[in-house]
């Protein structure tokens, strides 16, 4: 089995996919932007070959690199796992007649208005939404649906560039800041009230062979806009409970409608007064190290499971479901440079047996803005056999462990 893997070096966890493919016996050719010397001896040792391109989202350059590889030997699969790489890789894959995620599926998983329109036609409950290229189109949608509404890039991940609008003045501000009318179209959506979580799978030929349910505390938009909150992501080991049946059924139906085959998936959902609502899906793994939580919670190597799916069309072993696992993001109290920490020793003394790992940047490290994400500054990851106990422990971490900064 010969697999082309797009961008094997960065972000850092990309190297885990290469490790896993190599471990299950696949030959891996990497295509990336760094010179081969920058890959390091371990990564180079796991690669069968490597092609450098100016940009992996430059489809012309990516296709030329794939053609060079194909001129040397047969290619069985071409894989990408970063959101921005999925659609360019699909277009190149189609041009080079390599099996994998289709262009249509990749487009629907990338373009939020088109995604939701396809799912609504299939009878799947989603928020009302549209694509808008002009300020007047945004205003017309807000008049028709009513406030609150959400503006976000039509193709994006997480809460980047997202605005929640509650009145006319806020709408005009969001129109200005989003740049609608001066660039790509935006997605405009009905705001759905409720608890936010996500359902992730590893699917083979459209059938989930591994699945995981996780929760945000609080929702992503609030977490990425509010400094004092120490937001949490927690994956549950109770996914077999009846309460998750509706989420699992929704996920399987979305995968079917969008034509997702052998791929990781990451699906965001809301549960609230209007019931369960689909939010969005990517045909890729989740970000912010969530797969590492799944590995720790389930005492198995999910990267290897992905590699087995890609290279051999089957999983290797089941998850243990022994633990719930979570991450808490710890924000500096101001922008500037980290001065030190309060409560770190106390937390480690109380909960050391439950700590998976932690990232506490040393004093003097420049801080990152709140909206940079869950892993932008300090964080702690933990696991515990009981979901509710883990939530209480992570709450205590948020109350106790403080990141102090100087301007």
Protein backbone atom coordinates (compact mmCIF):
# COMPACT_ATOMS: atom_id res chain seq x y z
CA UNK A 1 0.00 0.00 0.00
CA UNK A 2 1.47 3.34 -1.12
CA UNK A 3 -0.12 6.45 0.44
CA UNK A 4 0.55 10.10 -0.37
CA UNK A 5 0.13 12.19 2.78
CA UNK A 6 -0.31 15.94 2.42
CA UNK A 7 1.85 18.12 4.69
CA UNK A 8 3.52 15.57 7.01
CA UNK A 9 5.44 18.06 9.17
CA UNK A 10 3.10 20.83 10.40
CA UNK A 11 1.03 21.08 12.54
CA UNK A 12 3.06 18.80 14.77
CA UNK A 13 0.41 16.11 15.18
CA UNK A 14 0.53 15.53 11.40
CA UNK A 15 3.60 13.46 12.13
CA UNK A 16 1.43 11.06 14.15
CA UNK A 17 -0.50 10.11 11.01
CA UNK A 18 2.77 9.37 9.21
CA UNK A 19 4.01 7.35 12.20
CA UNK A 20 0.85 5.29 12.18
CA UNK A 21 0.86 4.64 8.43
CA UNK A 22 4.48 3.54 8.63
CA UNK A 23 3.70 1.30 11.62
CA UNK A 24 0.96 -0.60 9.75
CA UNK A 25 3.22 -1.27 6.79
CA UNK A 26 2.28 1.46 4.33
CA UNK A 27 4.84 3.24 2.18
CA UNK A 28 4.29 6.96 2.73
CA UNK A 29 5.24 9.71 0.33
CA UNK A 30 4.89 13.14 1.90
CA UNK A 31 4.07 16.33 0.02
CA UNK A 32 4.78 19.45 2.04
CA UNK A 33 6.04 22.98 2.05
CA UNK A 34 9.24 22.59 4.09
CA UNK A 35 12.55 21.52 2.58
CA UNK A 36 13.36 17.89 3.23
CA UNK A 37 16.20 18.84 5.60
CA UNK A 38 13.68 20.51 7.93
CA UNK A 39 11.72 17.30 8.47
CA UNK A 40 14.13 15.86 11.02
CA UNK A 41 15.60 12.36 11.08
CA UNK A 42 12.63 10.59 12.69
CA UNK A 43 10.05 11.87 10.20
CA UNK A 44 12.40 11.38 7.24
CA UNK A 45 12.97 7.80 8.38
CA UNK A 46 9.25 7.09 8.20
CA UNK A 47 8.81 8.53 4.72
CA UNK A 48 9.33 6.47 1.60
CA UNK A 49 9.75 9.68 -0.43
CA UNK A 50 9.08 13.40 -0.20
CA UNK A 51 8.07 16.19 -2.58
CA UNK A 52 8.36 19.87 -1.68
CA UNK A 53 5.81 22.37 -3.06
CA UNK A 54 5.43 26.11 -2.60
CA UNK A 55 1.97 25.58 -1.05
CA UNK A 56 -0.10 22.46 -0.50
CA UNK A 57 -3.29 24.45 -1.22
CA UNK A 58 -1.88 25.53 -4.61
CA UNK A 59 -3.70 22.89 -6.64
CA UNK A 60 -1.47 23.25 -9.69
CA UNK A 61 1.68 22.72 -7.64
CA UNK A 62 0.11 19.89 -5.65
CA UNK A 63 -1.03 18.08 -8.81
CA UNK A 64 2.42 18.45 -10.38
CA UNK A 65 3.97 16.85 -7.28
CA UNK A 66 1.45 14.00 -7.39
CA UNK A 67 2.21 13.44 -11.08
CA UNK A 68 5.92 13.19 -10.27
CA UNK A 69 5.15 10.55 -7.65
CA UNK A 70 2.88 8.63 -10.02
CA UNK A 71 5.57 8.67 -12.69
CA UNK A 72 7.77 6.71 -10.29
CA UNK A 73 5.23 4.23 -8.89
CA UNK A 74 1.57 3.39 -8.29
CA UNK A 75 -0.34 5.42 -5.69
CA UNK A 76 -3.14 3.65 -3.80
CA UNK A 77 -4.42 6.51 -1.61
CA UNK A 78 -3.91 10.23 -1.07
CA UNK A 79 -4.84 11.58 2.37
CA UNK A 80 -5.17 15.02 3.98
CA UNK A 81 -6.26 15.69 7.56
CA UNK A 82 -6.14 19.52 7.88
CA UNK A 83 -9.36 21.43 7.15
CA UNK A 84 -7.78 23.83 4.64
CA UNK A 85 -6.18 20.95 2.74
CA UNK A 86 -9.28 18.78 2.27
CA UNK A 87 -10.80 20.41 -0.83
CA UNK A 88 -7.53 21.05 -2.74
CA UNK A 89 -6.49 17.46 -2.05
CA UNK A 90 -9.86 16.18 -3.30
CA UNK A 91 -9.59 18.13 -6.56
CA UNK A 92 -6.05 16.88 -7.15
CA UNK A 93 -7.08 13.35 -6.19
CA UNK A 94 -9.83 13.45 -8.80
CA UNK A 95 -7.51 14.81 -11.49
CA UNK A 96 -4.97 12.08 -10.71
CA UNK A 97 -7.67 9.33 -10.47
CA UNK A 98 -6.69 8.32 -6.93
CA UNK A 99 -9.41 6.84 -4.66
CA UNK A 100 -10.62 8.84 -1.67
CA UNK A 101 -12.98 11.62 -0.61
CA UNK A 102 -14.73 13.06 -3.68
CA UNK A 103 -14.68 16.70 -4.72
CA UNK A 104 -18.43 16.97 -4.09
CA UNK A 105 -18.14 15.58 -0.58
CA UNK A 106 -15.13 17.74 0.23
CA UNK A 107 -16.96 20.83 -1.04
CA UNK A 108 -20.09 20.08 0.97
CA UNK A 109 -18.00 19.52 4.11
CA UNK A 110 -16.19 22.81 3.54
CA UNK A 111 -18.93 25.21 2.37
CA UNK A 112 -21.35 25.65 5.26
CA UNK A 113 -24.38 27.04 3.38
CA UNK A 114 -24.15 24.31 0.71
CA UNK A 115 -23.67 21.66 3.41
CA UNK A 116 -26.79 22.71 5.30
CA UNK A 117 -28.88 23.05 2.18
CA UNK A 118 -28.00 19.48 1.16
CA UNK A 119 -28.87 18.18 4.62
CA UNK A 120 -32.14 20.12 4.87
CA UNK A 121 -33.21 18.57 1.56
CA UNK A 122 -32.57 15.17 3.17
CA UNK A 123 -34.80 16.05 6.13
CA UNK A 124 -32.02 16.69 8.65
CA UNK A 125 -32.74 19.44 11.20
CA UNK A 126 -30.30 22.34 10.89
CA UNK A 127 -30.34 26.05 11.64
CA UNK A 128 -31.73 28.26 8.87
CA UNK A 129 -28.79 29.59 6.86
CA UNK A 130 -27.69 31.11 3.59
CA UNK A 131 -24.59 32.25 1.79
CA UNK A 132 -24.26 36.01 1.37
CA UNK A 133 -21.95 37.99 -0.89
CA UNK A 134 -23.29 41.50 -0.15
CA UNK A 135 -24.33 43.46 2.94
CA UNK A 136 -27.90 43.66 1.62
CA UNK A 137 -28.15 39.87 1.48
CA UNK A 138 -27.02 39.69 5.11
CA UNK A 139 -29.57 42.32 6.15
CA UNK A 140 -32.36 40.56 4.27
CA UNK A 141 -31.65 37.27 6.02
CA UNK A 142 -31.61 38.94 9.45
CA UNK A 143 -34.99 40.62 8.71
CA UNK A 144 -36.51 37.31 7.61
CA UNK A 145 -35.16 35.12 10.46
CA UNK A 146 -34.87 37.64 13.29
CA UNK A 147 -32.11 38.08 15.85
CA UNK A 148 -29.82 36.61 17.02
CA UNK A 149 -27.99 35.55 13.88
CA UNK A 150 -24.46 34.28 13.29
CA UNK A 151 -22.04 35.51 10.61
CA UNK A 152 -19.04 33.31 9.81
CA UNK A 153 -16.75 32.56 6.87
CA UNK A 154 -18.40 30.10 4.48
CA UNK A 155 -15.29 27.91 4.79
CA UNK A 156 -13.66 27.95 8.22
CA UNK A 157 -12.99 25.85 11.31
CA UNK A 158 -13.94 26.59 14.91
CA UNK A 159 -15.09 30.10 15.83
CA UNK A 160 -12.54 31.95 13.69
CA UNK A 161 -14.07 35.07 12.17
CA UNK A 162 -17.48 34.33 13.71
CA UNK A 163 -19.89 37.01 15.00
CA UNK A 164 -23.08 36.66 17.05
CA UNK A 165 -25.41 39.56 16.25
CA UNK A 166 -28.35 40.59 18.44
CA UNK A 167 -29.49 43.91 16.91
CA UNK A 168 -29.20 46.19 13.88
CA UNK A 169 -26.17 48.04 15.21
CA UNK A 170 -24.36 44.77 15.87
CA UNK A 171 -25.25 43.56 12.39
CA UNK A 172 -23.70 46.63 10.76
CA UNK A 173 -20.55 46.19 12.86
CA UNK A 174 -20.31 42.52 11.87
CA UNK A 175 -20.80 43.40 8.21
CA UNK A 176 -17.89 45.85 8.40
CA UNK A 177 -15.59 43.51 10.34
CA UNK A 178 -16.37 40.39 8.30
CA UNK A 179 -15.61 42.17 5.03
CA UNK A 180 -18.72 40.86 3.31
CA UNK A 181 -18.96 42.51 -0.10
CA UNK A 182 -15.19 43.00 -0.26
CA UNK A 183 -14.14 39.37 -0.45
CA UNK A 184 -15.45 35.79 -0.23
CA UNK A 185 -19.05 35.06 0.69
CA UNK A 186 -20.02 34.56 4.32
CA UNK A 187 -22.45 32.15 5.91
CA UNK A 188 -25.36 33.75 7.77
CA UNK A 189 -27.19 31.47 10.17
CA UNK A 190 -30.01 31.38 12.66
CA UNK A 191 -28.63 31.29 16.21
CA UNK A 192 -29.51 27.96 17.84
CA UNK A 193 -29.86 28.01 21.61
CA UNK A 194 -28.62 24.99 23.51
CA UNK A 195 -25.72 22.92 24.75
CA UNK A 196 -22.91 22.50 22.22
CA UNK A 197 -21.04 19.27 21.68
CA UNK A 198 -19.53 17.16 18.95
CA UNK A 199 -19.73 13.63 17.59
CA UNK A 200 -16.62 12.25 15.92
CA UNK A 201 -16.13 9.07 13.96
CA UNK A 202 -13.58 7.03 12.10
CA UNK A 203 -15.57 5.63 9.20
CA UNK A 204 -14.76 2.95 6.64
CA UNK A 205 -16.78 2.96 3.42
CA UNK A 206 -19.33 5.23 5.10
CA UNK A 207 -19.73 3.05 8.22
CA UNK A 208 -18.48 4.39 11.58
CA UNK A 209 -16.18 1.79 13.13
CA UNK A 210 -15.15 4.05 16.05
CA UNK A 211 -17.15 6.92 17.49
CA UNK A 212 -16.82 9.44 20.31
CA UNK A 213 -19.10 12.05 21.90
CA UNK A 214 -17.69 15.20 23.51
CA UNK A 215 -18.99 18.36 25.17
CA UNK A 216 -18.00 22.02 25.29
CA UNK A 217 -18.29 24.02 28.53
CA UNK A 218 -19.28 26.72 27.59
CA UNK A 219 -20.02 26.85 23.83
CA UNK A 220 -17.19 27.71 21.47
CA UNK A 221 -18.31 31.23 20.57
CA UNK A 222 -18.56 32.32 24.22
CA UNK A 223 -15.33 30.52 25.12
CA UNK A 224 -13.39 32.26 22.35
CA UNK A 225 -14.60 35.73 23.30
CA UNK A 226 -14.39 35.77 27.10
CA UNK A 227 -11.04 35.99 28.89
CA UNK A 228 -12.11 35.06 32.40
CA UNK A 229 -13.62 31.75 31.30
CA UNK A 230 -11.38 28.68 31.45
CA UNK A 231 -13.20 26.63 28.79
CA UNK A 232 -13.30 22.85 28.80
CA UNK A 233 -13.64 20.10 26.23
CA UNK A 234 -14.63 16.71 27.70
CA UNK A 235 -15.12 13.41 25.91
CA UNK A 236 -17.45 10.99 27.63
CA UNK A 237 -17.06 7.27 28.25
CA UNK A 238 -20.86 6.98 28.45
CA UNK A 239 -21.48 7.01 24.70
CA UNK A 240 -23.27 3.69 25.03
CA UNK A 241 -26.02 5.32 27.12
CA UNK A 242 -29.46 5.73 25.54
CA UNK A 243 -29.14 9.52 25.60
CA UNK A 244 -26.53 9.40 22.83
CA UNK A 245 -28.56 7.24 20.43
CA UNK A 246 -30.09 10.25 18.68
CA UNK A 247 -26.68 11.87 18.20
CA UNK A 248 -25.22 8.66 16.76
CA UNK A 249 -28.18 8.21 14.40
CA UNK A 250 -27.82 11.82 13.24
CA UNK A 251 -24.11 11.38 12.62
CA UNK A 252 -24.61 8.23 10.57
CA UNK A 253 -27.31 9.89 8.48
CA UNK A 254 -25.14 12.96 7.79
CA UNK A 255 -22.24 10.74 6.73
CA UNK A 256 -24.56 8.89 4.36
CA UNK A 257 -26.11 12.02 2.81
CA UNK A 258 -22.77 13.74 2.24
CA UNK A 259 -21.16 10.62 0.80
CA UNK A 260 -18.29 10.41 3.27
CA UNK A 261 -16.42 7.14 2.79
CA UNK A 262 -13.19 6.12 4.54
CA UNK A 263 -12.34 9.15 6.63
CA UNK A 264 -12.27 10.72 10.05
CA UNK A 265 -15.27 12.99 10.68
CA UNK A 266 -15.92 15.82 13.13
CA UNK A 267 -19.56 16.89 13.57
CA UNK A 268 -20.74 19.78 15.75
CA UNK A 269 -24.26 19.66 17.22
CA UNK A 270 -26.57 21.67 19.49
CA UNK A 271 -29.17 20.25 21.87
CA UNK A 272 -31.73 22.70 23.23
CA UNK A 273 -35.36 23.81 23.29
CA UNK A 274 -35.79 22.98 19.59
CA UNK A 275 -34.30 19.51 20.04
CA UNK A 276 -31.10 18.18 18.47
CA UNK A 277 -29.75 20.35 15.66
CA UNK A 278 -26.90 19.66 13.26
CA UNK A 279 -24.35 22.49 13.11
CA UNK A 280 -21.53 21.46 10.75
CA UNK A 281 -19.21 18.60 9.82
CA UNK A 282 -15.68 18.16 8.51
CA UNK A 283 -14.34 15.03 6.79
CA UNK A 284 -11.21 15.22 8.94
CA UNK A 285 -10.17 14.73 12.58
CA UNK A 286 -11.06 17.41 15.16
CA UNK A 287 -8.48 20.02 16.12
CA UNK A 288 -6.91 21.10 19.44
CA UNK A 289 -5.50 17.68 20.29
CA UNK A 290 -8.89 15.99 20.74
CA UNK A 291 -7.66 12.74 19.20
CA UNK A 292 -5.01 12.63 21.95
CA UNK A 293 -7.86 12.77 24.48
CA UNK A 294 -9.56 9.88 22.71
CA UNK A 295 -6.33 7.87 22.82
CA UNK A 296 -5.84 8.50 26.55
CA UNK A 297 -9.49 7.89 27.43
CA UNK A 298 -9.71 4.64 25.51
CA UNK A 299 -6.21 3.21 26.02
CA UNK A 300 -5.60 2.72 22.33
CA UNK A 301 -3.87 4.43 19.40
CA UNK A 302 -6.52 6.15 17.29
CA UNK A 303 -3.89 7.29 14.78
CA UNK A 304 -3.07 3.62 14.19
CA UNK A 305 -6.78 2.85 13.82
CA UNK A 306 -7.00 5.56 11.15
CA UNK A 307 -3.96 4.11 9.39
CA UNK A 308 -5.49 0.63 9.48
CA UNK A 309 -8.68 2.04 7.93
CA UNK A 310 -6.75 3.79 5.16
CA UNK A 311 -4.23 1.06 4.41
CA UNK A 312 -6.16 -2.13 5.20
CA UNK A 313 -9.84 -1.19 5.24
CA UNK A 314 -10.49 -2.43 8.80
CA UNK A 315 -10.02 -1.36 12.44
CA UNK A 316 -7.47 -3.09 14.65
CA UNK A 317 -8.90 -2.98 18.18
CA UNK A 318 -11.87 -1.54 20.10
CA UNK A 319 -11.70 1.44 22.48
CA UNK A 320 -11.74 0.53 26.18
CA UNK A 321 -14.24 3.28 27.18
CA UNK A 322 -12.53 3.13 30.58
CA UNK A 323 -12.09 6.87 31.05
CA UNK A 324 -13.61 10.21 30.27
CA UNK A 325 -10.93 12.71 29.31
CA UNK A 326 -10.88 16.47 29.11
CA UNK A 327 -8.83 19.58 28.50
CA UNK A 328 -9.12 22.94 30.23
CA UNK A 329 -7.67 26.07 28.64
CA UNK A 330 -6.09 28.56 31.06
CA UNK A 331 -6.00 32.17 29.91
CA UNK A 332 -3.49 34.79 31.06
CA UNK A 333 -5.20 37.56 33.02
CA UNK A 334 -4.03 40.11 30.42
CA UNK A 335 -2.10 40.31 27.15
CA UNK A 336 1.64 40.69 27.41
CA UNK A 337 4.14 38.15 28.76
CA UNK A 338 3.58 35.35 31.22
CA UNK A 339 4.85 36.32 34.68
CA UNK A 340 4.06 33.10 36.55
CA UNK A 341 1.38 30.78 37.91
CA UNK A 342 -0.71 30.57 41.05
CA UNK A 343 -2.10 27.29 42.30
CA UNK A 344 -0.20 24.98 39.95
CA UNK A 345 1.54 23.05 42.73
CA UNK A 346 -1.71 22.70 44.66
CA UNK A 347 -3.51 21.28 41.61
CA UNK A 348 -0.76 18.82 40.80
CA UNK A 349 -0.62 17.62 44.41
CA UNK A 350 -4.39 17.03 44.48
CA UNK A 351 -4.90 15.50 41.07
CA UNK A 352 -1.57 14.25 39.79
CA UNK A 353 -2.88 10.69 39.24
CA UNK A 354 -5.48 12.02 36.80
CA UNK A 355 -3.19 14.30 34.75
CA UNK A 356 -2.45 13.19 31.20
CA UNK A 357 -0.16 16.14 30.45
CA UNK A 358 0.01 19.91 30.85
CA UNK A 359 1.43 22.90 29.03
CA UNK A 360 2.50 25.81 31.25
CA UNK A 361 4.70 28.12 29.16
CA UNK A 362 7.66 29.53 31.12
CA UNK A 363 7.71 33.10 32.44
CA UNK A 364 8.63 35.56 29.73
CA UNK A 365 6.64 33.75 27.04
CA UNK A 366 4.49 36.15 25.00
CA UNK A 367 0.78 35.55 25.53
CA UNK A 368 -1.62 34.74 22.71
CA UNK A 369 -5.03 36.43 22.35
CA UNK A 370 -8.10 34.70 23.77
CA UNK A 371 -9.53 34.07 20.30
CA UNK A 372 -6.39 32.13 19.29
CA UNK A 373 -7.96 28.97 20.67
CA UNK A 374 -7.99 26.37 23.41
CA UNK A 375 -4.29 25.48 23.19
CA UNK A 376 -2.93 28.98 22.53
CA UNK A 377 -1.62 29.57 26.06
CA UNK A 378 -1.62 27.22 29.08
CA UNK A 379 -3.69 24.06 29.35
CA UNK A 380 -4.08 20.85 31.34
CA UNK A 381 -5.43 17.52 30.10
CA UNK A 382 -6.86 14.96 32.52
CA UNK A 383 -8.79 11.69 32.60
CA UNK A 384 -11.00 9.97 35.16
CA UNK A 385 -13.27 6.89 35.12
CA UNK A 386 -16.29 9.01 36.11
CA UNK A 387 -17.45 11.81 33.79
CA UNK A 388 -19.09 13.89 36.52
CA UNK A 389 -16.04 13.60 38.78
CA UNK A 390 -13.82 14.77 35.91
CA UNK A 391 -16.04 17.81 35.35
CA UNK A 392 -15.74 18.75 39.03
CA UNK A 393 -11.95 18.33 38.95
CA UNK A 394 -11.59 20.48 35.84
CA UNK A 395 -13.82 23.13 37.43
CA UNK A 396 -11.46 23.13 40.42
CA UNK A 397 -8.47 23.51 38.10
CA UNK A 398 -10.11 26.53 36.50
CA UNK A 399 -10.84 28.15 39.88
CA UNK A 400 -7.41 27.44 41.34
CA UNK A 401 -4.73 27.55 38.64
CA UNK A 402 -4.23 31.14 37.48
CA UNK A 403 -1.94 32.43 34.74
CA UNK A 404 -0.52 35.85 35.60
CA UNK A 405 0.92 38.15 32.95
CA UNK A 406 2.60 41.50 32.74
CA UNK A 407 1.76 44.04 30.06
